[in-house]
């Protein structure tokens, strides 16, 4: 009986630790080098390296694409697209 209880506690502890690590499903883990059809960009959000996400990234929302496209916020083309989107949203 004690062995069954010990196995149950160990199994529960392993499940708890695996769930506590978080999910990377909503985080960018890498960058694209380029977006060919920039006219399909609708907007963007920023990902900061806190919590579950490990890198700083720009998440571009695209037409006809469910998942955002991750880009390096330090690259010139990304900065230019962010400026373009900001100008367009002001008008």
N, C-alpha and C. Protein backbone atom coordinates (compact mmCIF):
# COMPACT_ATOMS: atom_id res chain seq x y z
N UNK A 1 0.82 -1.20 0.00
CA UNK A 1 0.00 0.00 0.00
C UNK A 1 0.86 1.26 0.00
N UNK A 2 1.95 1.24 0.79
CA UNK A 2 2.83 2.40 0.86
C UNK A 2 3.52 2.65 -0.48
N UNK A 3 3.85 1.58 -1.19
CA UNK A 3 4.51 1.73 -2.49
C UNK A 3 3.56 2.37 -3.49
N UNK A 4 2.30 1.97 -3.47
CA UNK A 4 1.31 2.57 -4.38
C UNK A 4 1.15 4.05 -4.10
N UNK A 5 1.12 4.41 -2.84
CA UNK A 5 0.99 5.82 -2.47
C UNK A 5 2.22 6.60 -2.92
N UNK A 6 3.40 6.02 -2.74
CA UNK A 6 4.64 6.68 -3.16
C UNK A 6 4.68 6.88 -4.67
N UNK A 7 4.29 5.86 -5.42
CA UNK A 7 4.25 5.97 -6.88
C UNK A 7 3.25 7.04 -7.30
N UNK A 8 2.11 7.08 -6.66
CA UNK A 8 1.10 8.09 -6.97
C UNK A 8 1.62 9.50 -6.70
N UNK A 9 2.29 9.70 -5.57
CA UNK A 9 2.85 11.02 -5.22
C UNK A 9 3.92 11.41 -6.22
N UNK A 10 4.80 10.51 -6.59
CA UNK A 10 5.85 10.81 -7.57
C UNK A 10 5.27 11.14 -8.93
N UNK A 11 4.27 10.40 -9.34
CA UNK A 11 3.62 10.67 -10.62
C UNK A 11 2.95 12.05 -10.61
N UNK A 12 2.27 12.37 -9.53
CA UNK A 12 1.64 13.68 -9.40
C UNK A 12 2.67 14.80 -9.41
N UNK A 13 3.81 14.61 -8.72
CA UNK A 13 4.86 15.62 -8.69
C UNK A 13 5.44 15.85 -10.08
N UNK A 14 5.66 14.78 -10.83
CA UNK A 14 6.19 14.92 -12.20
C UNK A 14 5.22 15.65 -13.10
N UNK A 15 3.94 15.35 -12.99
CA UNK A 15 2.94 16.04 -13.79
C UNK A 15 2.87 17.51 -13.42
N UNK A 16 2.94 17.82 -12.16
CA UNK A 16 2.87 19.20 -11.70
C UNK A 16 4.06 20.00 -12.22
N UNK A 17 5.25 19.44 -12.13
CA UNK A 17 6.44 20.14 -12.60
C UNK A 17 6.42 20.35 -14.11
N UNK A 18 5.91 19.40 -14.86
CA UNK A 18 5.86 19.57 -16.31
C UNK A 18 4.84 20.65 -16.70
N UNK A 19 3.76 20.77 -15.98
CA UNK A 19 2.78 21.81 -16.26
C UNK A 19 3.26 23.17 -15.78
N UNK A 20 4.05 23.22 -14.74
CA UNK A 20 4.52 24.47 -14.17
C UNK A 20 5.57 25.15 -15.05
N UNK A 21 6.18 24.40 -15.98
CA UNK A 21 7.21 24.98 -16.82
C UNK A 21 6.67 25.95 -17.85
N UNK A 22 5.40 25.94 -18.10
CA UNK A 22 4.81 26.88 -19.04
C UNK A 22 4.75 26.32 -20.44
N UNK A 23 4.12 27.08 -21.30
CA UNK A 23 3.95 26.67 -22.68
C UNK A 23 4.56 27.71 -23.60
N UNK A 24 5.29 27.25 -24.61
CA UNK A 24 5.88 28.16 -25.58
C UNK A 24 5.00 28.30 -26.82
N UNK A 25 3.77 27.88 -26.74
CA UNK A 25 2.88 27.94 -27.89
C UNK A 25 2.60 29.35 -28.37
N UNK A 26 2.66 30.33 -27.48
CA UNK A 26 2.36 31.71 -27.85
C UNK A 26 3.61 32.57 -27.91
N UNK A 27 4.77 31.97 -27.89
CA UNK A 27 6.02 32.71 -27.88
C UNK A 27 6.79 32.51 -29.18
N UNK A 28 7.52 33.54 -29.57
CA UNK A 28 8.44 33.43 -30.69
C UNK A 28 9.72 32.79 -30.18
N UNK A 29 10.18 31.78 -30.87
CA UNK A 29 11.42 31.12 -30.52
C UNK A 29 12.52 31.42 -31.53
N UNK A 30 12.16 32.10 -32.61
CA UNK A 30 13.11 32.47 -33.65
C UNK A 30 12.51 33.56 -34.52
N UNK A 31 13.27 34.03 -35.48
CA UNK A 31 12.86 35.13 -36.35
C UNK A 31 12.81 34.70 -37.82
N UNK A 32 11.94 35.35 -38.58
CA UNK A 32 12.01 35.23 -40.03
C UNK A 32 13.03 36.24 -40.52
N UNK A 33 13.64 35.97 -41.65
CA UNK A 33 14.64 36.91 -42.17
C UNK A 33 13.99 38.00 -43.01
N UNK A 34 12.79 37.71 -43.54
CA UNK A 34 12.11 38.68 -44.42
C UNK A 34 10.65 38.27 -44.59
N UNK A 35 9.81 39.26 -44.84
CA UNK A 35 8.42 39.02 -45.23
C UNK A 35 8.29 39.53 -46.65
N UNK A 36 7.98 38.64 -47.57
CA UNK A 36 7.95 39.01 -48.98
C UNK A 36 6.79 39.95 -49.31
N UNK A 37 5.63 39.70 -48.75
CA UNK A 37 4.45 40.52 -49.05
C UNK A 37 4.11 41.41 -47.86
N UNK A 38 4.86 42.48 -47.75
CA UNK A 38 4.69 43.39 -46.61
C UNK A 38 3.33 44.07 -46.62
N UNK A 39 2.69 44.15 -47.77
CA UNK A 39 1.37 44.77 -47.85
C UNK A 39 0.31 43.95 -47.11
N UNK A 40 0.62 42.69 -46.79
CA UNK A 40 -0.31 41.83 -46.06
C UNK A 40 -0.20 41.99 -44.54
N UNK A 41 0.70 42.85 -44.08
CA UNK A 41 0.84 43.08 -42.64
C UNK A 41 -0.29 44.00 -42.17
N UNK A 42 -1.02 43.54 -41.16
CA UNK A 42 -2.14 44.32 -40.62
C UNK A 42 -1.74 45.12 -39.39
N UNK A 43 -0.85 44.60 -38.59
CA UNK A 43 -0.44 45.26 -37.36
C UNK A 43 0.67 44.47 -36.69
N UNK A 44 1.03 44.91 -35.49
CA UNK A 44 2.08 44.21 -34.78
C UNK A 44 1.91 44.37 -33.27
N UNK A 45 2.53 43.46 -32.54
CA UNK A 45 2.65 43.55 -31.09
C UNK A 45 4.08 43.21 -30.73
N UNK A 46 4.48 43.61 -29.54
CA UNK A 46 5.84 43.34 -29.07
C UNK A 46 5.82 42.18 -28.08
N UNK A 47 6.82 41.34 -28.16
CA UNK A 47 7.04 40.28 -27.18
C UNK A 47 8.30 40.63 -26.40
N UNK A 48 8.17 40.72 -25.11
CA UNK A 48 9.33 41.00 -24.26
C UNK A 48 9.80 39.71 -23.59
N UNK A 49 11.08 39.61 -23.30
CA UNK A 49 11.61 38.38 -22.69
C UNK A 49 11.29 38.29 -21.19
N UNK A 50 10.08 37.93 -20.87
CA UNK A 50 9.68 37.74 -19.49
C UNK A 50 8.73 36.56 -19.40
N UNK A 51 8.65 35.96 -18.26
CA UNK A 51 7.76 34.81 -18.11
C UNK A 51 8.20 33.64 -18.97
N UNK A 52 7.32 33.17 -19.84
CA UNK A 52 7.61 32.01 -20.66
C UNK A 52 8.45 32.32 -21.89
N UNK A 53 8.41 33.54 -22.38
CA UNK A 53 9.07 33.90 -23.64
C UNK A 53 10.50 34.33 -23.37
N UNK A 54 11.43 33.80 -24.17
CA UNK A 54 12.85 34.03 -23.91
C UNK A 54 13.50 35.11 -24.76
N UNK A 55 12.87 35.52 -25.85
CA UNK A 55 13.50 36.51 -26.73
C UNK A 55 12.57 37.69 -26.95
N UNK A 56 13.17 38.83 -27.28
CA UNK A 56 12.41 40.02 -27.65
C UNK A 56 12.08 39.89 -29.14
N UNK A 57 10.83 40.15 -29.49
CA UNK A 57 10.42 39.97 -30.88
C UNK A 57 9.26 40.88 -31.22
N UNK A 58 9.08 41.12 -32.52
CA UNK A 58 7.90 41.80 -33.05
C UNK A 58 7.04 40.72 -33.69
N UNK A 59 5.77 40.67 -33.31
CA UNK A 59 4.84 39.70 -33.87
C UNK A 59 3.94 40.44 -34.85
N UNK A 60 4.15 40.20 -36.14
CA UNK A 60 3.36 40.83 -37.17
C UNK A 60 2.09 40.02 -37.41
N UNK A 61 0.95 40.69 -37.37
CA UNK A 61 -0.33 40.07 -37.71
C UNK A 61 -0.51 40.19 -39.21
N UNK A 62 -0.81 39.06 -39.86
CA UNK A 62 -0.90 39.02 -41.31
C UNK A 62 -2.31 38.70 -41.77
N UNK A 63 -2.64 39.15 -42.99
CA UNK A 63 -3.90 38.74 -43.62
C UNK A 63 -3.81 37.25 -43.94
N UNK A 64 -4.92 36.56 -43.79
CA UNK A 64 -5.03 35.13 -44.16
C UNK A 64 -4.02 34.23 -43.47
N UNK A 65 -3.61 34.59 -42.28
CA UNK A 65 -2.66 33.74 -41.53
C UNK A 65 -3.07 33.79 -40.07
N UNK A 66 -3.29 32.63 -39.50
CA UNK A 66 -3.77 32.55 -38.12
C UNK A 66 -2.66 32.93 -37.12
N UNK A 67 -1.45 32.43 -37.34
CA UNK A 67 -0.36 32.70 -36.40
C UNK A 67 0.41 33.94 -36.84
N UNK A 68 0.89 34.72 -35.87
CA UNK A 68 1.71 35.88 -36.23
C UNK A 68 3.09 35.45 -36.73
N UNK A 69 3.74 36.36 -37.43
CA UNK A 69 5.09 36.14 -37.95
C UNK A 69 6.05 36.86 -37.03
N UNK A 70 7.08 36.17 -36.57
CA UNK A 70 8.03 36.72 -35.61
C UNK A 70 9.23 37.32 -36.33
N UNK A 71 9.60 38.54 -35.92
CA UNK A 71 10.72 39.23 -36.56
C UNK A 71 11.61 39.86 -35.49
N UNK A 72 12.87 40.06 -35.86
CA UNK A 72 13.85 40.66 -34.97
C UNK A 72 13.61 42.17 -34.90
N UNK A 73 13.34 42.72 -33.71
CA UNK A 73 13.04 44.15 -33.59
C UNK A 73 14.24 45.06 -33.86
N UNK A 74 15.43 44.51 -33.97
CA UNK A 74 16.62 45.32 -34.23
C UNK A 74 16.94 45.45 -35.72
N UNK A 75 16.25 44.70 -36.58
CA UNK A 75 16.53 44.78 -38.01
C UNK A 75 15.85 46.01 -38.62
N UNK A 76 16.50 46.60 -39.62
CA UNK A 76 16.02 47.83 -40.23
C UNK A 76 14.66 47.66 -40.87
N UNK A 77 14.43 46.56 -41.60
CA UNK A 77 13.14 46.40 -42.29
C UNK A 77 12.01 46.26 -41.29
N UNK A 78 12.28 45.69 -40.12
CA UNK A 78 11.25 45.55 -39.09
C UNK A 78 10.91 46.92 -38.51
N UNK A 79 11.93 47.71 -38.23
CA UNK A 79 11.71 49.07 -37.70
C UNK A 79 10.94 49.90 -38.71
N UNK A 80 11.30 49.79 -40.00
CA UNK A 80 10.59 50.54 -41.05
C UNK A 80 9.12 50.13 -41.12
N UNK A 81 8.83 48.84 -41.02
CA UNK A 81 7.44 48.38 -41.07
C UNK A 81 6.65 48.85 -39.85
N UNK A 82 7.29 48.84 -38.69
CA UNK A 82 6.61 49.33 -37.49
C UNK A 82 6.28 50.82 -37.62
N UNK A 83 7.21 51.59 -38.18
CA UNK A 83 6.96 53.03 -38.41
C UNK A 83 5.83 53.22 -39.39
N UNK A 84 5.81 52.42 -40.47
CA UNK A 84 4.76 52.54 -41.48
C UNK A 84 3.40 52.23 -40.86
N UNK A 85 3.33 51.19 -40.05
CA UNK A 85 2.06 50.81 -39.41
C UNK A 85 1.62 51.91 -38.43
N UNK A 86 2.57 52.48 -37.70
CA UNK A 86 2.23 53.55 -36.76
C UNK A 86 1.70 54.78 -37.49
N UNK A 87 2.32 55.14 -38.63
CA UNK A 87 1.85 56.28 -39.43
C UNK A 87 0.44 56.02 -39.97
N UNK A 88 0.23 54.81 -40.45
CA UNK A 88 -1.08 54.46 -41.01
C UNK A 88 -2.16 54.46 -39.94
N UNK A 89 -1.84 54.07 -38.74
CA UNK A 89 -2.87 54.03 -37.69
C UNK A 89 -3.21 55.44 -37.19
N UNK A 90 -2.29 56.40 -37.36
CA UNK A 90 -2.58 57.79 -36.97
C UNK A 90 -3.53 58.46 -37.96
N UNK A 91 -3.48 58.03 -39.22
CA UNK A 91 -4.31 58.66 -40.26
C UNK A 91 -5.67 58.09 -40.33
